[in-house]
């Protein structure tokens, strides 16, 4: 969260998934409208995400290392 939200608001981002048929967004829009992060501290975000009890993504073990190598 800290790295992305340090970017200018006009920065375009392409999330890996979305539930509203959008293919891209901006940092400003996510800061203001994303219900899981808007107006929340880092600790509140972590608590919210942990309480959702989401299943681990199937290919996370491949995606994280690739993201670190290619986009880090």
N, C-alpha and C. Protein backbone atom coordinates (compact mmCIF):
# COMPACT_ATOMS: atom_id res chain seq x y z
N UNK A 1 0.83 -1.19 0.00
CA UNK A 1 0.00 0.00 0.00
C UNK A 1 0.87 1.25 0.00
N UNK A 2 1.90 1.26 0.81
CA UNK A 2 2.76 2.44 0.92
C UNK A 2 3.47 2.79 -0.37
N UNK A 3 3.91 1.79 -1.11
CA UNK A 3 4.61 2.06 -2.37
C UNK A 3 3.67 2.59 -3.43
N UNK A 4 2.51 1.96 -3.57
CA UNK A 4 1.55 2.40 -4.59
C UNK A 4 0.98 3.77 -4.26
N UNK A 5 0.60 3.99 -3.03
CA UNK A 5 -0.05 5.25 -2.69
C UNK A 5 0.92 6.42 -2.59
N UNK A 6 2.22 6.14 -2.69
CA UNK A 6 3.20 7.22 -2.75
C UNK A 6 3.28 7.78 -4.17
N UNK A 7 2.71 7.06 -5.14
CA UNK A 7 2.71 7.51 -6.54
C UNK A 7 1.70 8.64 -6.73
N UNK A 8 1.89 9.47 -7.76
CA UNK A 8 0.92 10.53 -8.06
C UNK A 8 -0.47 9.95 -8.33
N UNK A 9 -1.51 10.67 -7.94
CA UNK A 9 -2.88 10.22 -8.10
C UNK A 9 -3.27 9.87 -9.52
N UNK A 10 -2.66 10.52 -10.49
CA UNK A 10 -3.00 10.27 -11.89
C UNK A 10 -2.37 8.99 -12.44
N UNK A 11 -1.53 8.34 -11.66
CA UNK A 11 -0.87 7.11 -12.10
C UNK A 11 -1.92 6.04 -12.41
N UNK A 12 -1.85 5.48 -13.61
CA UNK A 12 -2.79 4.44 -14.03
C UNK A 12 -2.28 3.08 -13.55
N UNK A 13 -3.18 2.28 -13.00
CA UNK A 13 -2.84 0.93 -12.55
C UNK A 13 -3.78 -0.06 -13.24
N UNK A 14 -3.25 -1.25 -13.48
CA UNK A 14 -4.01 -2.32 -14.10
C UNK A 14 -4.07 -3.47 -13.10
N UNK A 15 -5.16 -3.54 -12.34
CA UNK A 15 -5.25 -4.61 -11.34
C UNK A 15 -5.37 -5.98 -12.01
N UNK A 16 -4.96 -7.02 -11.29
CA UNK A 16 -5.03 -8.37 -11.81
C UNK A 16 -6.45 -8.90 -11.88
N UNK A 17 -7.35 -8.27 -11.16
CA UNK A 17 -8.75 -8.68 -11.17
C UNK A 17 -9.60 -7.50 -10.73
N UNK A 18 -10.85 -7.54 -11.09
CA UNK A 18 -11.76 -6.48 -10.70
C UNK A 18 -13.17 -7.03 -10.79
N UNK A 19 -14.04 -6.53 -9.97
CA UNK A 19 -15.41 -7.03 -9.95
C UNK A 19 -16.40 -6.08 -10.58
N UNK A 20 -15.91 -5.05 -11.24
CA UNK A 20 -16.80 -4.06 -11.85
C UNK A 20 -16.53 -3.88 -13.33
N UNK A 21 -15.91 -4.87 -13.96
CA UNK A 21 -15.64 -4.87 -15.40
C UNK A 21 -14.70 -3.75 -15.84
N UNK A 22 -13.94 -3.19 -14.91
CA UNK A 22 -12.96 -2.15 -15.28
C UNK A 22 -11.63 -2.82 -15.60
N UNK A 23 -10.94 -2.30 -16.60
CA UNK A 23 -9.64 -2.87 -16.94
C UNK A 23 -8.49 -2.10 -16.31
N UNK A 24 -8.74 -0.85 -15.87
CA UNK A 24 -7.70 -0.06 -15.23
C UNK A 24 -8.33 0.94 -14.28
N UNK A 25 -7.49 1.57 -13.50
CA UNK A 25 -7.94 2.55 -12.52
C UNK A 25 -6.82 3.56 -12.33
N UNK A 26 -6.97 4.45 -11.37
CA UNK A 26 -5.88 5.36 -11.01
C UNK A 26 -5.63 5.24 -9.52
N UNK A 27 -4.46 5.65 -9.12
CA UNK A 27 -4.13 5.64 -7.69
C UNK A 27 -5.13 6.51 -6.93
N UNK A 28 -5.46 7.66 -7.46
CA UNK A 28 -6.42 8.56 -6.78
C UNK A 28 -7.77 7.89 -6.59
N UNK A 29 -8.26 7.23 -7.64
CA UNK A 29 -9.57 6.56 -7.54
C UNK A 29 -9.53 5.48 -6.47
N UNK A 30 -8.48 4.67 -6.46
CA UNK A 30 -8.39 3.59 -5.47
C UNK A 30 -8.27 4.15 -4.06
N UNK A 31 -7.49 5.22 -3.90
CA UNK A 31 -7.36 5.86 -2.59
C UNK A 31 -8.72 6.31 -2.05
N UNK A 32 -9.56 6.83 -2.95
CA UNK A 32 -10.84 7.41 -2.54
C UNK A 32 -11.99 6.42 -2.52
N UNK A 33 -12.00 5.44 -3.41
CA UNK A 33 -13.20 4.62 -3.60
C UNK A 33 -13.06 3.15 -3.23
N UNK A 34 -11.86 2.64 -3.07
CA UNK A 34 -11.69 1.23 -2.76
C UNK A 34 -12.08 1.00 -1.30
N UNK A 35 -13.17 0.29 -1.09
CA UNK A 35 -13.74 0.13 0.25
C UNK A 35 -12.79 -0.55 1.23
N UNK A 36 -11.87 -1.33 0.74
CA UNK A 36 -10.94 -2.02 1.65
C UNK A 36 -9.79 -1.15 2.09
N UNK A 37 -9.55 -0.03 1.39
CA UNK A 37 -8.41 0.80 1.76
C UNK A 37 -8.73 2.27 2.01
N UNK A 38 -9.81 2.78 1.45
CA UNK A 38 -10.13 4.20 1.59
C UNK A 38 -10.32 4.57 3.06
N UNK A 39 -9.52 5.50 3.52
CA UNK A 39 -9.65 6.00 4.88
C UNK A 39 -9.16 5.05 5.96
N UNK A 40 -8.44 4.02 5.58
CA UNK A 40 -7.97 3.03 6.55
C UNK A 40 -6.45 3.10 6.70
N UNK A 41 -6.01 2.79 7.88
CA UNK A 41 -4.58 2.69 8.12
C UNK A 41 -4.09 1.33 7.60
N UNK A 42 -2.79 1.16 7.57
CA UNK A 42 -2.22 -0.12 7.15
C UNK A 42 -2.70 -1.24 8.08
N UNK A 43 -2.69 -0.98 9.38
CA UNK A 43 -3.14 -2.00 10.34
C UNK A 43 -4.61 -2.35 10.15
N UNK A 44 -5.45 -1.34 9.87
CA UNK A 44 -6.87 -1.61 9.63
C UNK A 44 -7.05 -2.44 8.36
N UNK A 45 -6.27 -2.15 7.33
CA UNK A 45 -6.33 -2.92 6.09
C UNK A 45 -5.96 -4.37 6.36
N UNK A 46 -4.89 -4.60 7.09
CA UNK A 46 -4.45 -5.96 7.40
C UNK A 46 -5.53 -6.70 8.18
N UNK A 47 -6.12 -6.05 9.15
CA UNK A 47 -7.19 -6.67 9.94
C UNK A 47 -8.39 -7.01 9.06
N UNK A 48 -8.78 -6.09 8.19
CA UNK A 48 -9.91 -6.32 7.29
C UNK A 48 -9.65 -7.51 6.38
N UNK A 49 -8.48 -7.55 5.76
CA UNK A 49 -8.17 -8.63 4.84
C UNK A 49 -8.09 -9.97 5.57
N UNK A 50 -7.53 -9.99 6.75
CA UNK A 50 -7.43 -11.24 7.52
C UNK A 50 -8.82 -11.75 7.90
N UNK A 51 -9.74 -10.85 8.19
CA UNK A 51 -11.08 -11.25 8.62
C UNK A 51 -11.92 -11.82 7.47
N UNK A 52 -11.52 -11.58 6.23
CA UNK A 52 -12.26 -12.09 5.08
C UNK A 52 -12.07 -13.59 4.88
N UNK A 53 -11.03 -14.14 5.45
CA UNK A 53 -10.75 -15.57 5.38
C UNK A 53 -10.78 -16.07 3.93
N UNK A 54 -10.09 -15.34 3.05
CA UNK A 54 -10.04 -15.70 1.63
C UNK A 54 -9.10 -16.87 1.40
N UNK A 55 -9.41 -17.68 0.42
CA UNK A 55 -8.54 -18.80 0.05
C UNK A 55 -7.26 -18.24 -0.57
N UNK A 56 -6.16 -18.94 -0.35
CA UNK A 56 -4.89 -18.54 -0.94
C UNK A 56 -5.00 -18.70 -2.46
N UNK A 57 -4.60 -17.68 -3.24
CA UNK A 57 -4.64 -17.82 -4.70
C UNK A 57 -3.81 -19.02 -5.16
N UNK A 58 -4.32 -19.74 -6.13
CA UNK A 58 -3.71 -21.00 -6.57
C UNK A 58 -2.28 -20.84 -7.08
N UNK A 59 -1.97 -19.77 -7.73
CA UNK A 59 -0.63 -19.63 -8.33
C UNK A 59 0.19 -18.54 -7.66
N UNK A 60 -0.12 -18.25 -6.41
CA UNK A 60 0.59 -17.20 -5.68
C UNK A 60 2.09 -17.48 -5.59
N UNK A 61 2.44 -18.74 -5.40
CA UNK A 61 3.85 -19.12 -5.31
C UNK A 61 4.64 -18.81 -6.58
N UNK A 62 3.97 -18.73 -7.70
CA UNK A 62 4.61 -18.36 -8.96
C UNK A 62 4.55 -16.87 -9.20
N UNK A 63 3.41 -16.26 -8.85
CA UNK A 63 3.18 -14.85 -9.16
C UNK A 63 4.07 -13.92 -8.35
N UNK A 64 4.21 -14.17 -7.07
CA UNK A 64 4.99 -13.25 -6.23
C UNK A 64 6.45 -13.20 -6.66
N UNK A 65 7.13 -14.33 -6.83
CA UNK A 65 8.52 -14.26 -7.29
C UNK A 65 8.65 -13.58 -8.66
N UNK A 66 7.71 -13.84 -9.55
CA UNK A 66 7.76 -13.21 -10.88
C UNK A 66 7.59 -11.69 -10.76
N UNK A 67 6.65 -11.25 -9.94
CA UNK A 67 6.45 -9.82 -9.74
C UNK A 67 7.69 -9.17 -9.12
N UNK A 68 8.31 -9.84 -8.19
CA UNK A 68 9.53 -9.30 -7.56
C UNK A 68 10.67 -9.19 -8.57
N UNK A 69 10.81 -10.18 -9.43
CA UNK A 69 11.88 -10.16 -10.45
C UNK A 69 11.61 -9.12 -11.52
N UNK A 70 10.38 -9.06 -12.00
CA UNK A 70 10.08 -8.26 -13.19
C UNK A 70 9.60 -6.85 -12.89
N UNK A 71 8.95 -6.65 -11.77
CA UNK A 71 8.38 -5.34 -11.51
C UNK A 71 8.89 -4.67 -10.26
N UNK A 72 9.72 -5.33 -9.51
CA UNK A 72 10.17 -4.82 -8.22
C UNK A 72 11.11 -3.71 -8.34
